[in-house]
């Protein structure tokens, strides 16, 4: 369903915005967003490689 996809993308973008602010550690961020450590780093690496199109 389309609404779920946009919600996931919104969550990724919020996570990445929080990561860029550097107010929390990556460990605290993935716990706060309820994602695994590997997912967090996968999102970060994609964003670093592809920019906003990456997530």
PDB file of N, CA and C in Angstrom:
ATOM      1  N   UNK A   1       0.841  -1.188   0.000  1.00  0.00           N
ATOM      2  CA  UNK A   1       0.000   0.000   0.000  1.00  0.00           C
ATOM      3  C   UNK A   1       0.881   1.244   0.000  1.00  0.00           C
ATOM      4  N   UNK A   2       0.573   2.238  -0.799  1.00  0.00           N
ATOM      5  CA  UNK A   2       1.407   3.428  -0.929  1.00  0.00           C
ATOM      6  C   UNK A   2       1.612   4.185   0.371  1.00  0.00           C
ATOM      7  N   UNK A   3       0.580   4.260   1.217  1.00  0.00           N
ATOM      8  CA  UNK A   3       0.744   5.060   2.429  1.00  0.00           C
ATOM      9  C   UNK A   3       1.804   4.474   3.346  1.00  0.00           C
ATOM     10  N   UNK A   4       2.001   3.170   3.346  1.00  0.00           N
ATOM     11  CA  UNK A   4       3.039   2.573   4.178  1.00  0.00           C
ATOM     12  C   UNK A   4       4.422   2.934   3.650  1.00  0.00           C
ATOM     13  N   UNK A   5       4.589   2.951   2.340  1.00  0.00           N
ATOM     14  CA  UNK A   5       5.879   3.290   1.758  1.00  0.00           C
ATOM     15  C   UNK A   5       6.277   4.717   2.098  1.00  0.00           C
ATOM     16  N   UNK A   6       5.359   5.641   1.998  1.00  0.00           N
ATOM     17  CA  UNK A   6       5.703   7.023   2.313  1.00  0.00           C
ATOM     18  C   UNK A   6       5.993   7.185   3.800  1.00  0.00           C
ATOM     19  N   UNK A   7       5.322   6.417   4.635  1.00  0.00           N
ATOM     20  CA  UNK A   7       5.574   6.501   6.061  1.00  0.00           C
ATOM     21  C   UNK A   7       6.978   6.003   6.379  1.00  0.00           C
ATOM     22  N   UNK A   8       7.398   4.927   5.732  1.00  0.00           N
ATOM     23  CA  UNK A   8       8.741   4.407   5.942  1.00  0.00           C
ATOM     24  C   UNK A   8       9.774   5.413   5.458  1.00  0.00           C
ATOM     25  N   UNK A   9       9.534   6.000   4.308  1.00  0.00           N
ATOM     26  CA  UNK A   9      10.461   7.001   3.789  1.00  0.00           C
ATOM     27  C   UNK A   9      10.539   8.195   4.731  1.00  0.00           C
ATOM     28  N   UNK A  10       9.401   8.623   5.260  1.00  0.00           N
ATOM     29  CA  UNK A  10       9.399   9.732   6.219  1.00  0.00           C
ATOM     30  C   UNK A  10      10.224   9.379   7.453  1.00  0.00           C
ATOM     31  N   UNK A  11      10.092   8.138   7.927  1.00  0.00           N
ATOM     32  CA  UNK A  11      10.859   7.712   9.089  1.00  0.00           C
ATOM     33  C   UNK A  11      12.355   7.736   8.782  1.00  0.00           C
ATOM     34  N   UNK A  12      12.716   7.279   7.600  1.00  0.00           N
ATOM     35  CA  UNK A  12      14.130   7.288   7.221  1.00  0.00           C
ATOM     36  C   UNK A  12      14.669   8.704   7.162  1.00  0.00           C
ATOM     37  N   UNK A  13      13.907   9.596   6.566  1.00  0.00           N
ATOM     38  CA  UNK A  13      14.362  10.980   6.453  1.00  0.00           C
ATOM     39  C   UNK A  13      14.469  11.649   7.819  1.00  0.00           C
ATOM     40  N   UNK A  14      13.532  11.351   8.720  1.00  0.00           N
ATOM     41  CA  UNK A  14      13.610  11.894  10.077  1.00  0.00           C
ATOM     42  C   UNK A  14      14.838  11.345  10.802  1.00  0.00           C
ATOM     43  N   UNK A  15      15.089  10.050  10.638  1.00  0.00           N
ATOM     44  CA  UNK A  15      16.266   9.431  11.241  1.00  0.00           C
ATOM     45  C   UNK A  15      17.540  10.108  10.746  1.00  0.00           C
ATOM     46  N   UNK A  16      17.625  10.292   9.417  1.00  0.00           N
ATOM     47  CA  UNK A  16      18.824  10.899   8.833  1.00  0.00           C
ATOM     48  C   UNK A  16      18.990  12.354   9.259  1.00  0.00           C
ATOM     49  N   UNK A  17      17.888  13.077   9.386  1.00  0.00           N
ATOM     50  CA  UNK A  17      17.967  14.463   9.860  1.00  0.00           C
ATOM     51  C   UNK A  17      18.487  14.496  11.294  1.00  0.00           C
ATOM     52  N   UNK A  18      18.007  13.587  12.124  1.00  0.00           N
ATOM     53  CA  UNK A  18      18.487  13.504  13.507  1.00  0.00           C
ATOM     54  C   UNK A  18      19.967  13.124  13.544  1.00  0.00           C
ATOM     55  N   UNK A  19      20.357  12.217  12.686  1.00  0.00           N
ATOM     56  CA  UNK A  19      21.759  11.795  12.605  1.00  0.00           C
ATOM     57  C   UNK A  19      22.656  12.976  12.225  1.00  0.00           C
ATOM     58  N   UNK A  20      22.217  13.779  11.264  1.00  0.00           N
ATOM     59  CA  UNK A  20      23.026  14.913  10.819  1.00  0.00           C
ATOM     60  C   UNK A  20      23.153  15.987  11.891  1.00  0.00           C
ATOM     61  N   UNK A  21      22.179  16.105  12.765  1.00  0.00           N
ATOM     62  CA  UNK A  21      22.248  17.098  13.842  1.00  0.00           C
ATOM     63  C   UNK A  21      23.284  16.725  14.896  1.00  0.00           C
ATOM     64  N   UNK A  22      23.653  15.439  14.929  1.00  0.00           N
ATOM     65  CA  UNK A  22      24.671  14.920  15.854  1.00  0.00           C
ATOM     66  C   UNK A  22      24.353  15.186  17.314  1.00  0.00           C
ATOM     67  N   UNK A  23      23.072  15.202  17.659  1.00  0.00           N
ATOM     68  CA  UNK A  23      22.688  15.419  19.041  1.00  0.00           C
ATOM     69  C   UNK A  23      22.601  14.116  19.834  1.00  0.00           C
ATOM     70  N   UNK A  24      22.526  12.995  19.091  1.00  0.00           N
ATOM     71  CA  UNK A  24      22.445  11.679  19.720  1.00  0.00           C
ATOM     72  C   UNK A  24      23.441  10.754  19.024  1.00  0.00           C
ATOM     73  N   UNK A  25      23.878   9.752  19.741  1.00  0.00           N
ATOM     74  CA  UNK A  25      24.743   8.750  19.118  1.00  0.00           C
ATOM     75  C   UNK A  25      23.901   7.895  18.175  1.00  0.00           C
ATOM     76  N   UNK A  26      24.554   7.189  17.270  1.00  0.00           N
ATOM     77  CA  UNK A  26      23.845   6.304  16.355  1.00  0.00           C
ATOM     78  C   UNK A  26      23.110   5.227  17.154  1.00  0.00           C
ATOM     79  N   UNK A  27      23.726   4.721  18.211  1.00  0.00           N
ATOM     80  CA  UNK A  27      23.083   3.702  19.048  1.00  0.00           C
ATOM     81  C   UNK A  27      21.785   4.232  19.655  1.00  0.00           C
ATOM     82  N   UNK A  28      21.816   5.444  20.166  1.00  0.00           N
ATOM     83  CA  UNK A  28      20.604   6.034  20.726  1.00  0.00           C
ATOM     84  C   UNK A  28      19.545   6.267  19.649  1.00  0.00           C
ATOM     85  N   UNK A  29      19.996   6.660  18.468  1.00  0.00           N
ATOM     86  CA  UNK A  29      19.055   6.903  17.373  1.00  0.00           C
ATOM     87  C   UNK A  29      18.354   5.627  16.934  1.00  0.00           C
ATOM     88  N   UNK A  30      19.109   4.544  16.719  1.00  0.00           N
ATOM     89  CA  UNK A  30      18.429   3.343  16.239  1.00  0.00           C
ATOM     90  C   UNK A  30      17.502   2.768  17.294  1.00  0.00           C
ATOM     91  N   UNK A  31      17.821   2.953  18.550  1.00  0.00           N
ATOM     92  CA  UNK A  31      16.894   2.528  19.608  1.00  0.00           C
ATOM     93  C   UNK A  31      15.639   3.398  19.602  1.00  0.00           C
ATOM     94  N   UNK A  32      15.818   4.697  19.463  1.00  0.00           N
ATOM     95  CA  UNK A  32      14.683   5.621  19.467  1.00  0.00           C
ATOM     96  C   UNK A  32      13.740   5.381  18.290  1.00  0.00           C
ATOM     97  N   UNK A  33      14.306   5.014  17.153  1.00  0.00           N
ATOM     98  CA  UNK A  33      13.490   4.793  15.959  1.00  0.00           C
ATOM     99  C   UNK A  33      13.050   3.341  15.815  1.00  0.00           C
ATOM    100  N   UNK A  34      13.486   2.481  16.712  1.00  0.00           N
ATOM    101  CA  UNK A  34      13.048   1.093  16.702  1.00  0.00           C
ATOM    102  C   UNK A  34      13.551   0.293  15.516  1.00  0.00           C
ATOM    103  N   UNK A  35      14.783   0.591  15.094  1.00  0.00           N
ATOM    104  CA  UNK A  35      15.376  -0.141  13.980  1.00  0.00           C
ATOM    105  C   UNK A  35      16.659  -0.814  14.465  1.00  0.00           C
ATOM    106  N   UNK A  36      17.141  -1.760  13.701  1.00  0.00           N
ATOM    107  CA  UNK A  36      18.366  -2.460  14.091  1.00  0.00           C
ATOM    108  C   UNK A  36      19.593  -1.611  13.759  1.00  0.00           C
ATOM    109  N   UNK A  37      20.704  -1.958  14.376  1.00  0.00           N
ATOM    110  CA  UNK A  37      21.959  -1.266  14.120  1.00  0.00           C
ATOM    111  C   UNK A  37      22.342  -1.375  12.643  1.00  0.00           C
ATOM    112  N   UNK A  38      22.182  -2.580  12.071  1.00  0.00           N
ATOM    113  CA  UNK A  38      22.552  -2.767  10.663  1.00  0.00           C
ATOM    114  C   UNK A  38      21.666  -1.939   9.736  1.00  0.00           C
ATOM    115  N   UNK A  39      20.389  -1.829  10.051  1.00  0.00           N
ATOM    116  CA  UNK A  39      19.493  -0.986   9.247  1.00  0.00           C
ATOM    117  C   UNK A  39      19.908   0.476   9.345  1.00  0.00           C
ATOM    118  N   UNK A  40      20.240   0.928  10.538  1.00  0.00           N
ATOM    119  CA  UNK A  40      20.661   2.315  10.729  1.00  0.00           C
ATOM    120  C   UNK A  40      21.885   2.633   9.872  1.00  0.00           C
ATOM    121  N   UNK A  41      22.870   1.776   9.927  1.00  0.00           N
ATOM    122  CA  UNK A  41      24.084   2.025   9.142  1.00  0.00           C
ATOM    123  C   UNK A  41      23.841   1.867   7.642  1.00  0.00           C
ATOM    124  N   UNK A  42      22.927   0.989   7.264  1.00  0.00           N
ATOM    125  CA  UNK A  42      22.579   0.847   5.849  1.00  0.00           C
ATOM    126  C   UNK A  42      21.960   2.149   5.336  1.00  0.00           C
ATOM    127  N   UNK A  43      21.039   2.734   6.111  1.00  0.00           N
ATOM    128  CA  UNK A  43      20.411   3.998   5.720  1.00  0.00           C
ATOM    129  C   UNK A  43      21.447   5.114   5.646  1.00  0.00           C
ATOM    130  N   UNK A  44      22.339   5.176   6.628  1.00  0.00           N
ATOM    131  CA  UNK A  44      23.371   6.213   6.653  1.00  0.00           C
ATOM    132  C   UNK A  44      24.298   6.073   5.446  1.00  0.00           C
ATOM    133  N   UNK A  45      24.734   4.851   5.160  1.00  0.00           N
ATOM    134  CA  UNK A  45      25.635   4.638   4.025  1.00  0.00           C
ATOM    135  C   UNK A  45      24.969   4.967   2.703  1.00  0.00           C
ATOM    136  N   UNK A  46      23.719   4.585   2.527  1.00  0.00           N
ATOM    137  CA  UNK A  46      22.996   4.929   1.297  1.00  0.00           C
ATOM    138  C   UNK A  46      22.881   6.437   1.144  1.00  0.00           C
ATOM    139  N   UNK A  47      22.561   7.099   2.245  1.00  0.00           N
ATOM    140  CA  UNK A  47      22.424   8.560   2.187  1.00  0.00           C
ATOM    141  C   UNK A  47      23.761   9.210   1.834  1.00  0.00           C
ATOM    142  N   UNK A  48      24.836   8.710   2.410  1.00  0.00           N
ATOM    143  CA  UNK A  48      26.159   9.274   2.119  1.00  0.00           C
ATOM    144  C   UNK A  48      26.561   9.063   0.662  1.00  0.00           C
ATOM    145  N   UNK A  49      26.174   7.922   0.076  1.00  0.00           N
ATOM    146  CA  UNK A  49      26.512   7.627  -1.316  1.00  0.00           C
ATOM    147  C   UNK A  49      25.612   8.334  -2.323  1.00  0.00           C
ATOM    148  N   UNK A  50      24.310   8.380  -2.027  1.00  0.00           N
ATOM    149  CA  UNK A  50      23.336   8.847  -3.022  1.00  0.00           C
ATOM    150  C   UNK A  50      22.647  10.164  -2.688  1.00  0.00           C
ATOM    151  N   UNK A  51      22.890  10.682  -1.517  1.00  0.00           N
ATOM    152  CA  UNK A  51      22.195  11.906  -1.119  1.00  0.00           C
ATOM    153  C   UNK A  51      20.746  11.624  -0.787  1.00  0.00           C
ATOM    154  N   UNK A  52      19.897  12.583  -1.004  1.00  0.00           N
ATOM    155  CA  UNK A  52      18.487  12.461  -0.630  1.00  0.00           C
ATOM    156  C   UNK A  52      17.776  11.342  -1.387  1.00  0.00           C
ATOM    157  N   UNK A  53      18.267  10.965  -2.550  1.00  0.00           N
ATOM    158  CA  UNK A  53      17.661   9.869  -3.300  1.00  0.00           C
ATOM    159  C   UNK A  53      18.024   8.516  -2.700  1.00  0.00           C
ATOM    160  N   UNK A  54      18.994   8.494  -1.814  1.00  0.00           N
ATOM    161  CA  UNK A  54      19.487   7.247  -1.244  1.00  0.00           C
ATOM    162  C   UNK A  54      18.540   6.509  -0.328  1.00  0.00           C
ATOM    163  N   UNK A  55      17.829   7.195   0.560  1.00  0.00           N
ATOM    164  CA  UNK A  55      16.984   6.448   1.484  1.00  0.00           C
ATOM    165  C   UNK A  55      15.927   5.714   0.738  1.00  0.00           C
TER     166      UNK A  55
END
